[in-house]
């Protein structure tokens, strides 16, 4: 599933707990501080959402370049929309 700033992939979790990882590679930004900042924001957005998933899934969230200019609330709305579109929420 792809949005303007994020892309997600998922598989059913093997255990009873959902896991998530955020991938912001060098294509996003060459500076580690910028990559880490967007990953921290997305991890904070994901924390309450993992408990709300219909079933435990293992998620991978890939970050596009346009995520750098998005606010916390814009990233949150896009991630929630993608999870709903995929039937995970």
PDB file of N, CA and C in Angstrom:
ATOM      1  N   UNK A   1       0.847  -1.167   0.000  1.00  0.00           N
ATOM      2  CA  UNK A   1       0.000   0.000   0.000  1.00  0.00           C
ATOM      3  C   UNK A   1       0.899   1.238   0.000  1.00  0.00           C
ATOM      4  N   UNK A   2       0.603   2.157  -0.850  1.00  0.00           N
ATOM      5  CA  UNK A   2       1.424   3.364  -0.946  1.00  0.00           C
ATOM      6  C   UNK A   2       0.589   4.615  -0.767  1.00  0.00           C
ATOM      7  N   UNK A   3       1.192   5.582  -0.120  1.00  0.00           N
ATOM      8  CA  UNK A   3       0.617   6.908   0.026  1.00  0.00           C
ATOM      9  C   UNK A   3       1.591   7.918  -0.553  1.00  0.00           C
ATOM     10  N   UNK A   4       1.368   9.171  -0.234  1.00  0.00           N
ATOM     11  CA  UNK A   4       2.243  10.222  -0.750  1.00  0.00           C
ATOM     12  C   UNK A   4       3.627  10.185  -0.089  1.00  0.00           C
ATOM     13  N   UNK A   5       3.675   9.910   1.198  1.00  0.00           N
ATOM     14  CA  UNK A   5       4.950   9.947   1.916  1.00  0.00           C
ATOM     15  C   UNK A   5       5.363   8.592   2.478  1.00  0.00           C
ATOM     16  N   UNK A   6       4.434   7.633   2.537  1.00  0.00           N
ATOM     17  CA  UNK A   6       4.714   6.349   3.173  1.00  0.00           C
ATOM     18  C   UNK A   6       4.265   5.196   2.293  1.00  0.00           C
ATOM     19  N   UNK A   7       4.923   4.049   2.508  1.00  0.00           N
ATOM     20  CA  UNK A   7       4.518   2.803   1.865  1.00  0.00           C
ATOM     21  C   UNK A   7       4.604   1.731   2.935  1.00  0.00           C
ATOM     22  N   UNK A   8       3.596   0.857   3.018  1.00  0.00           N
ATOM     23  CA  UNK A   8       3.623  -0.179   4.040  1.00  0.00           C
ATOM     24  C   UNK A   8       3.518  -1.554   3.405  1.00  0.00           C
ATOM     25  N   UNK A   9       4.141  -2.512   4.059  1.00  0.00           N
ATOM     26  CA  UNK A   9       4.026  -3.927   3.731  1.00  0.00           C
ATOM     27  C   UNK A   9       3.765  -4.645   5.043  1.00  0.00           C
ATOM     28  N   UNK A  10       3.034  -5.758   4.978  1.00  0.00           N
ATOM     29  CA  UNK A  10       2.721  -6.486   6.196  1.00  0.00           C
ATOM     30  C   UNK A  10       2.557  -7.967   5.903  1.00  0.00           C
ATOM     31  N   UNK A  11       2.776  -8.760   6.944  1.00  0.00           N
ATOM     32  CA  UNK A  11       2.505 -10.201   6.942  1.00  0.00           C
ATOM     33  C   UNK A  11       1.906 -10.531   8.305  1.00  0.00           C
ATOM     34  N   UNK A  12       1.096 -11.578   8.388  1.00  0.00           N
ATOM     35  CA  UNK A  12       0.586 -11.978   9.705  1.00  0.00           C
ATOM     36  C   UNK A  12       1.745 -12.342  10.632  1.00  0.00           C
ATOM     37  N   UNK A  13       1.635 -11.924  11.870  1.00  0.00           N
ATOM     38  CA  UNK A  13       2.694 -12.198  12.847  1.00  0.00           C
ATOM     39  C   UNK A  13       2.655 -13.668  13.247  1.00  0.00           C
ATOM     40  N   UNK A  14       3.822 -14.231  13.494  1.00  0.00           N
ATOM     41  CA  UNK A  14       3.894 -15.627  13.920  1.00  0.00           C
ATOM     42  C   UNK A  14       3.527 -15.783  15.386  1.00  0.00           C
ATOM     43  N   UNK A  15       3.712 -14.738  16.159  1.00  0.00           N
ATOM     44  CA  UNK A  15       3.374 -14.775  17.582  1.00  0.00           C
ATOM     45  C   UNK A  15       2.073 -14.046  17.850  1.00  0.00           C
ATOM     46  N   UNK A  16       1.871 -13.689  19.082  1.00  0.00           N
ATOM     47  CA  UNK A  16       0.653 -13.003  19.498  1.00  0.00           C
ATOM     48  C   UNK A  16       0.830 -11.496  19.578  1.00  0.00           C
ATOM     49  N   UNK A  17       2.017 -11.010  19.257  1.00  0.00           N
ATOM     50  CA  UNK A  17       2.320  -9.592  19.388  1.00  0.00           C
ATOM     51  C   UNK A  17       2.679  -9.008  18.023  1.00  0.00           C
ATOM     52  N   UNK A  18       2.158  -7.831  17.726  1.00  0.00           N
ATOM     53  CA  UNK A  18       2.481  -7.144  16.476  1.00  0.00           C
ATOM     54  C   UNK A  18       3.838  -6.447  16.605  1.00  0.00           C
ATOM     55  N   UNK A  19       4.569  -6.405  15.498  1.00  0.00           N
ATOM     56  CA  UNK A  19       5.857  -5.723  15.446  1.00  0.00           C
ATOM     57  C   UNK A  19       5.849  -4.768  14.263  1.00  0.00           C
ATOM     58  N   UNK A  20       6.670  -3.742  14.342  1.00  0.00           N
ATOM     59  CA  UNK A  20       6.772  -2.794  13.236  1.00  0.00           C
ATOM     60  C   UNK A  20       8.202  -2.275  13.152  1.00  0.00           C
ATOM     61  N   UNK A  21       8.605  -1.956  11.943  1.00  0.00           N
ATOM     62  CA  UNK A  21       9.896  -1.330  11.723  1.00  0.00           C
ATOM     63  C   UNK A  21       9.720  -0.214  10.701  1.00  0.00           C
ATOM     64  N   UNK A  22      10.524   0.816  10.849  1.00  0.00           N
ATOM     65  CA  UNK A  22      10.476   1.959   9.948  1.00  0.00           C
ATOM     66  C   UNK A  22      11.793   1.993   9.179  1.00  0.00           C
ATOM     67  N   UNK A  23      11.688   2.084   7.847  1.00  0.00           N
ATOM     68  CA  UNK A  23      12.870   2.090   6.989  1.00  0.00           C
ATOM     69  C   UNK A  23      12.986   3.445   6.308  1.00  0.00           C
ATOM     70  N   UNK A  24      14.058   4.156   6.616  1.00  0.00           N
ATOM     71  CA  UNK A  24      14.363   5.427   5.958  1.00  0.00           C
ATOM     72  C   UNK A  24      15.807   5.324   5.491  1.00  0.00           C
ATOM     73  N   UNK A  25      15.991   4.972   4.254  1.00  0.00           N
ATOM     74  CA  UNK A  25      17.321   4.732   3.717  1.00  0.00           C
ATOM     75  C   UNK A  25      17.995   6.002   3.231  1.00  0.00           C
ATOM     76  N   UNK A  26      19.140   5.810   2.609  1.00  0.00           N
ATOM     77  CA  UNK A  26      19.911   6.939   2.094  1.00  0.00           C
ATOM     78  C   UNK A  26      19.176   7.681   0.985  1.00  0.00           C
ATOM     79  N   UNK A  27      18.251   7.014   0.313  1.00  0.00           N
ATOM     80  CA  UNK A  27      17.464   7.689  -0.718  1.00  0.00           C
ATOM     81  C   UNK A  27      16.555   8.751  -0.102  1.00  0.00           C
ATOM     82  N   UNK A  28      16.176   8.558   1.157  1.00  0.00           N
ATOM     83  CA  UNK A  28      15.365   9.553   1.856  1.00  0.00           C
ATOM     84  C   UNK A  28      16.185  10.796   2.137  1.00  0.00           C
ATOM     85  N   UNK A  29      17.324  10.620   2.783  1.00  0.00           N
ATOM     86  CA  UNK A  29      18.227  11.727   3.097  1.00  0.00           C
ATOM     87  C   UNK A  29      19.566  11.135   3.482  1.00  0.00           C
ATOM     88  N   UNK A  30      20.626  11.787   3.088  1.00  0.00           N
ATOM     89  CA  UNK A  30      21.954  11.270   3.394  1.00  0.00           C
ATOM     90  C   UNK A  30      22.362  11.538   4.837  1.00  0.00           C
ATOM     91  N   UNK A  31      21.687  12.476   5.479  1.00  0.00           N
ATOM     92  CA  UNK A  31      22.027  12.822   6.860  1.00  0.00           C
ATOM     93  C   UNK A  31      21.299  11.904   7.833  1.00  0.00           C
ATOM     94  N   UNK A  32      22.060  11.266   8.710  1.00  0.00           N
ATOM     95  CA  UNK A  32      21.483  10.335   9.685  1.00  0.00           C
ATOM     96  C   UNK A  32      20.517  11.041  10.627  1.00  0.00           C
ATOM     97  N   UNK A  33      20.772  12.296  10.945  1.00  0.00           N
ATOM     98  CA  UNK A  33      19.885  13.005  11.874  1.00  0.00           C
ATOM     99  C   UNK A  33      18.486  13.163  11.280  1.00  0.00           C
ATOM    100  N   UNK A  34      18.398  13.411   9.985  1.00  0.00           N
ATOM    101  CA  UNK A  34      17.090  13.545   9.335  1.00  0.00           C
ATOM    102  C   UNK A  34      16.376  12.200   9.265  1.00  0.00           C
ATOM    103  N   UNK A  35      17.120  11.144   8.932  1.00  0.00           N
ATOM    104  CA  UNK A  35      16.521   9.806   8.864  1.00  0.00           C
ATOM    105  C   UNK A  35      16.027   9.376  10.236  1.00  0.00           C
ATOM    106  N   UNK A  36      16.833   9.604  11.262  1.00  0.00           N
ATOM    107  CA  UNK A  36      16.447   9.205  12.615  1.00  0.00           C
ATOM    108  C   UNK A  36      15.267  10.012  13.128  1.00  0.00           C
ATOM    109  N   UNK A  37      15.188  11.274  12.776  1.00  0.00           N
ATOM    110  CA  UNK A  37      14.075  12.109  13.244  1.00  0.00           C
ATOM    111  C   UNK A  37      12.746  11.609  12.702  1.00  0.00           C
ATOM    112  N   UNK A  38      12.688  11.288  11.423  1.00  0.00           N
ATOM    113  CA  UNK A  38      11.429  10.810  10.851  1.00  0.00           C
ATOM    114  C   UNK A  38      11.097   9.414  11.384  1.00  0.00           C
ATOM    115  N   UNK A  39      12.106   8.595  11.628  1.00  0.00           N
ATOM    116  CA  UNK A  39      11.845   7.269  12.191  1.00  0.00           C
ATOM    117  C   UNK A  39      11.304   7.381  13.613  1.00  0.00           C
ATOM    118  N   UNK A  40      11.835   8.303  14.420  1.00  0.00           N
ATOM    119  CA  UNK A  40      11.331   8.498  15.787  1.00  0.00           C
ATOM    120  C   UNK A  40       9.880   8.949  15.766  1.00  0.00           C
ATOM    121  N   UNK A  41       9.553   9.885  14.849  1.00  0.00           N
ATOM    122  CA  UNK A  41       8.167  10.365  14.740  1.00  0.00           C
ATOM    123  C   UNK A  41       7.225   9.219  14.385  1.00  0.00           C
ATOM    124  N   UNK A  42       7.603   8.422  13.418  1.00  0.00           N
ATOM    125  CA  UNK A  42       6.730   7.328  12.989  1.00  0.00           C
ATOM    126  C   UNK A  42       6.612   6.235  14.046  1.00  0.00           C
ATOM    127  N   UNK A  43       7.671   5.963  14.777  1.00  0.00           N
ATOM    128  CA  UNK A  43       7.577   4.978  15.864  1.00  0.00           C
ATOM    129  C   UNK A  43       6.606   5.448  16.948  1.00  0.00           C
ATOM    130  N   UNK A  44       6.623   6.739  17.235  1.00  0.00           N
ATOM    131  CA  UNK A  44       5.698   7.281  18.233  1.00  0.00           C
ATOM    132  C   UNK A  44       4.255   7.206  17.730  1.00  0.00           C
ATOM    133  N   UNK A  45       4.047   7.405  16.446  1.00  0.00           N
ATOM    134  CA  UNK A  45       2.707   7.281  15.859  1.00  0.00           C
ATOM    135  C   UNK A  45       2.259   5.822  15.916  1.00  0.00           C
ATOM    136  N   UNK A  46       3.161   4.893  15.671  1.00  0.00           N
ATOM    137  CA  UNK A  46       2.825   3.473  15.624  1.00  0.00           C
ATOM    138  C   UNK A  46       2.509   2.865  16.984  1.00  0.00           C
ATOM    139  N   UNK A  47       3.072   3.398  18.024  1.00  0.00           N
ATOM    140  CA  UNK A  47       2.941   2.791  19.359  1.00  0.00           C
ATOM    141  C   UNK A  47       1.489   2.481  19.732  1.00  0.00           C
ATOM    142  N   UNK A  48       0.559   3.419  19.690  1.00  0.00           N
ATOM    143  CA  UNK A  48      -0.827   3.069  20.049  1.00  0.00           C
ATOM    144  C   UNK A  48      -1.556   2.300  18.942  1.00  0.00           C
ATOM    145  N   UNK A  49      -1.116   2.451  17.697  1.00  0.00           N
ATOM    146  CA  UNK A  49      -1.798   1.787  16.590  1.00  0.00           C
ATOM    147  C   UNK A  49      -1.567   0.283  16.579  1.00  0.00           C
ATOM    148  N   UNK A  50      -0.414  -0.171  17.045  1.00  0.00           N
ATOM    149  CA  UNK A  50      -0.125  -1.603  17.045  1.00  0.00           C
ATOM    150  C   UNK A  50      -1.106  -2.373  17.919  1.00  0.00           C
ATOM    151  N   UNK A  51      -1.534  -1.761  19.004  1.00  0.00           N
ATOM    152  CA  UNK A  51      -2.500  -2.414  19.889  1.00  0.00           C
ATOM    153  C   UNK A  51      -3.892  -2.439  19.284  1.00  0.00           C
ATOM    154  N   UNK A  52      -4.175  -1.519  18.359  1.00  0.00           N
ATOM    155  CA  UNK A  52      -5.508  -1.407  17.777  1.00  0.00           C
ATOM    156  C   UNK A  52      -5.687  -2.252  16.516  1.00  0.00           C
ATOM    157  N   UNK A  53      -4.642  -2.933  16.065  1.00  0.00           N
ATOM    158  CA  UNK A  53      -4.757  -3.745  14.855  1.00  0.00           C
ATOM    159  C   UNK A  53      -5.756  -4.884  15.068  1.00  0.00           C
ATOM    160  N   UNK A  54      -6.452  -5.269  13.997  1.00  0.00           N
ATOM    161  CA  UNK A  54      -7.452  -6.345  14.080  1.00  0.00           C
ATOM    162  C   UNK A  54      -6.815  -7.669  14.488  1.00  0.00           C
ATOM    163  N   UNK A  55      -5.650  -7.957  13.979  1.00  0.00           N
ATOM    164  CA  UNK A  55      -4.906  -9.164  14.313  1.00  0.00           C
ATOM    165  C   UNK A  55      -3.433  -8.757  14.369  1.00  0.00           C
ATOM    166  N   UNK A  56      -2.595  -9.548  15.025  1.00  0.00           N
ATOM    167  CA  UNK A  56      -1.172  -9.180  15.062  1.00  0.00           C
ATOM    168  C   UNK A  56      -0.523  -9.324  13.687  1.00  0.00           C
ATOM    169  N   UNK A  57       0.108  -8.264  13.242  1.00  0.00           N
ATOM    170  CA  UNK A  57       0.824  -8.236  11.973  1.00  0.00           C
ATOM    171  C   UNK A  57       2.234  -7.740  12.211  1.00  0.00           C
ATOM    172  N   UNK A  58       3.132  -8.146  11.329  1.00  0.00           N
ATOM    173  CA  UNK A  58       4.472  -7.577  11.287  1.00  0.00           C
ATOM    174  C   UNK A  58       4.473  -6.557  10.158  1.00  0.00           C
ATOM    175  N   UNK A  59       4.740  -5.298  10.494  1.00  0.00           N
ATOM    176  CA  UNK A  59       4.655  -4.192   9.539  1.00  0.00           C
ATOM    177  C   UNK A  59       6.037  -3.657   9.191  1.00  0.00           C
ATOM    178  N   UNK A  60       6.174  -3.229   7.944  1.00  0.00           N
ATOM    179  CA  UNK A  60       7.343  -2.472   7.515  1.00  0.00           C
ATOM    180  C   UNK A  60       6.830  -1.188   6.898  1.00  0.00           C
ATOM    181  N   UNK A  61       7.304  -0.050   7.394  1.00  0.00           N
ATOM    182  CA  UNK A  61       6.903   1.253   6.879  1.00  0.00           C
ATOM    183  C   UNK A  61       8.121   1.859   6.187  1.00  0.00           C
ATOM    184  N   UNK A  62       7.982   2.119   4.897  1.00  0.00           N
ATOM    185  CA  UNK A  62       9.050   2.726   4.107  1.00  0.00           C
ATOM    186  C   UNK A  62       8.741   4.209   3.938  1.00  0.00           C
ATOM    187  N   UNK A  63       9.755   5.041   4.078  1.00  0.00           N
ATOM    188  CA  UNK A  63       9.590   6.486   4.053  1.00  0.00           C
ATOM    189  C   UNK A  63      10.055   7.047   2.718  1.00  0.00           C
ATOM    190  N   UNK A  64       9.216   7.863   2.084  1.00  0.00           N
ATOM    191  CA  UNK A  64       9.582   8.559   0.846  1.00  0.00           C
ATOM    192  C   UNK A  64      10.191   9.921   1.182  1.00  0.00           C
ATOM    193  N   UNK A  65      10.786  10.564   0.197  1.00  0.00           N
ATOM    194  CA  UNK A  65      11.428  11.866   0.412  1.00  0.00           C
ATOM    195  C   UNK A  65      10.441  12.928   0.884  1.00  0.00           C
ATOM    196  N   UNK A  66       9.198  12.844   0.451  1.00  0.00           N
ATOM    197  CA  UNK A  66       8.228  13.879   0.815  1.00  0.00           C
ATOM    198  C   UNK A  66       7.856  13.838   2.296  1.00  0.00           C
ATOM    199  N   UNK A  67       8.224  12.794   3.011  1.00  0.00           N
ATOM    200  CA  UNK A  67       7.919  12.707   4.444  1.00  0.00           C
ATOM    201  C   UNK A  67       8.692  13.749   5.248  1.00  0.00           C
ATOM    202  N   UNK A  68       9.791  14.224   4.714  1.00  0.00           N
ATOM    203  CA  UNK A  68      10.616  15.201   5.427  1.00  0.00           C
ATOM    204  C   UNK A  68       9.881  16.516   5.647  1.00  0.00           C
ATOM    205  N   UNK A  69       8.967  16.856   4.751  1.00  0.00           N
ATOM    206  CA  UNK A  69       8.249  18.127   4.862  1.00  0.00           C
ATOM    207  C   UNK A  69       6.893  17.973   5.546  1.00  0.00           C
ATOM    208  N   UNK A  70       6.534  16.769   5.911  1.00  0.00           N
ATOM    209  CA  UNK A  70       5.232  16.524   6.540  1.00  0.00           C
ATOM    210  C   UNK A  70       5.305  16.730   8.044  1.00  0.00           C
ATOM    211  N   UNK A  71       4.202  17.214   8.594  1.00  0.00           N
ATOM    212  CA  UNK A  71       4.123  17.384  10.046  1.00  0.00           C
ATOM    213  C   UNK A  71       3.766  16.054  10.694  1.00  0.00           C
ATOM    214  N   UNK A  72       3.837  16.018  12.011  1.00  0.00           N
ATOM    215  CA  UNK A  72       3.498  14.821  12.776  1.00  0.00           C
ATOM    216  C   UNK A  72       2.060  14.399  12.485  1.00  0.00           C
ATOM    217  N   UNK A  73       1.135  15.344  12.494  1.00  0.00           N
ATOM    218  CA  UNK A  73      -0.274  15.000  12.287  1.00  0.00           C
ATOM    219  C   UNK A  73      -0.535  14.530  10.849  1.00  0.00           C
ATOM    220  N   UNK A  74       0.162  15.102   9.878  1.00  0.00           N
ATOM    221  CA  UNK A  74      -0.006  14.650   8.489  1.00  0.00           C
ATOM    222  C   UNK A  74       0.495  13.219   8.317  1.00  0.00           C
ATOM    223  N   UNK A  75       1.641  12.900   8.931  1.00  0.00           N
ATOM    224  CA  UNK A  75       2.153  11.534   8.876  1.00  0.00           C
ATOM    225  C   UNK A  75       1.200  10.573   9.572  1.00  0.00           C
ATOM    226  N   UNK A  76       0.654  11.007  10.707  1.00  0.00           N
ATOM    227  CA  UNK A  76      -0.284  10.165  11.453  1.00  0.00           C
ATOM    228  C   UNK A  76      -1.526   9.870  10.632  1.00  0.00           C
ATOM    229  N   UNK A  77      -2.097  10.900  10.013  1.00  0.00           N
ATOM    230  CA  UNK A  77      -3.302  10.712   9.204  1.00  0.00           C
ATOM    231  C   UNK A  77      -3.033   9.798   8.006  1.00  0.00           C
ATOM    232  N   UNK A  78      -1.891   9.959   7.377  1.00  0.00           N
ATOM    233  CA  UNK A  78      -1.580   9.115   6.228  1.00  0.00           C
ATOM    234  C   UNK A  78      -1.378   7.665   6.640  1.00  0.00           C
ATOM    235  N   UNK A  79      -0.680   7.434   7.748  1.00  0.00           N
ATOM    236  CA  UNK A  79      -0.453   6.066   8.204  1.00  0.00           C
ATOM    237  C   UNK A  79      -1.763   5.393   8.598  1.00  0.00           C
ATOM    238  N   UNK A  80      -2.623   6.109   9.296  1.00  0.00           N
ATOM    239  CA  UNK A  80      -3.919   5.547   9.674  1.00  0.00           C
ATOM    240  C   UNK A  80      -4.745   5.236   8.427  1.00  0.00           C
ATOM    241  N   UNK A  81      -4.724   6.119   7.451  1.00  0.00           N
ATOM    242  CA  UNK A  81      -5.476   5.888   6.212  1.00  0.00           C
ATOM    243  C   UNK A  81      -4.957   4.650   5.481  1.00  0.00           C
ATOM    244  N   UNK A  82      -3.637   4.472   5.436  1.00  0.00           N
ATOM    245  CA  UNK A  82      -3.068   3.307   4.772  1.00  0.00           C
ATOM    246  C   UNK A  82      -3.434   2.015   5.509  1.00  0.00           C
ATOM    247  N   UNK A  83      -3.405   2.052   6.826  1.00  0.00           N
ATOM    248  CA  UNK A  83      -3.753   0.859   7.609  1.00  0.00           C
ATOM    249  C   UNK A  83      -5.234   0.506   7.431  1.00  0.00           C
ATOM    250  N   UNK A  84      -6.083   1.520   7.373  1.00  0.00           N
ATOM    251  CA  UNK A  84      -7.508   1.266   7.142  1.00  0.00           C
ATOM    252  C   UNK A  84      -7.743   0.749   5.724  1.00  0.00           C
ATOM    253  N   UNK A  85      -7.057   1.314   4.764  1.00  0.00           N
ATOM    254  CA  UNK A  85      -7.206   0.894   3.369  1.00  0.00           C
ATOM    255  C   UNK A  85      -6.777  -0.569   3.199  1.00  0.00           C
ATOM    256  N   UNK A  86      -5.776  -0.979   3.932  1.00  0.00           N
ATOM    257  CA  UNK A  86      -5.293  -2.356   3.883  1.00  0.00           C
ATOM    258  C   UNK A  86      -6.119  -3.310   4.726  1.00  0.00           C
ATOM    259  N   UNK A  87      -7.103  -2.797   5.470  1.00  0.00           N
ATOM    260  CA  UNK A  87      -7.937  -3.647   6.299  1.00  0.00           C
ATOM    261  C   UNK A  87      -7.279  -4.094   7.590  1.00  0.00           C
ATOM    262  N   UNK A  88      -6.247  -3.393   8.019  1.00  0.00           N
ATOM    263  CA  UNK A  88      -5.546  -3.765   9.244  1.00  0.00           C
ATOM    264  C   UNK A  88      -6.151  -3.118  10.477  1.00  0.00           C
ATOM    265  N   UNK A  89      -6.809  -1.994  10.310  1.00  0.00           N
ATOM    266  CA  UNK A  89      -7.475  -1.290  11.422  1.00  0.00           C
ATOM    267  C   UNK A  89      -8.967  -1.426  11.305  1.00  0.00           C
TER     268      UNK A  89
END
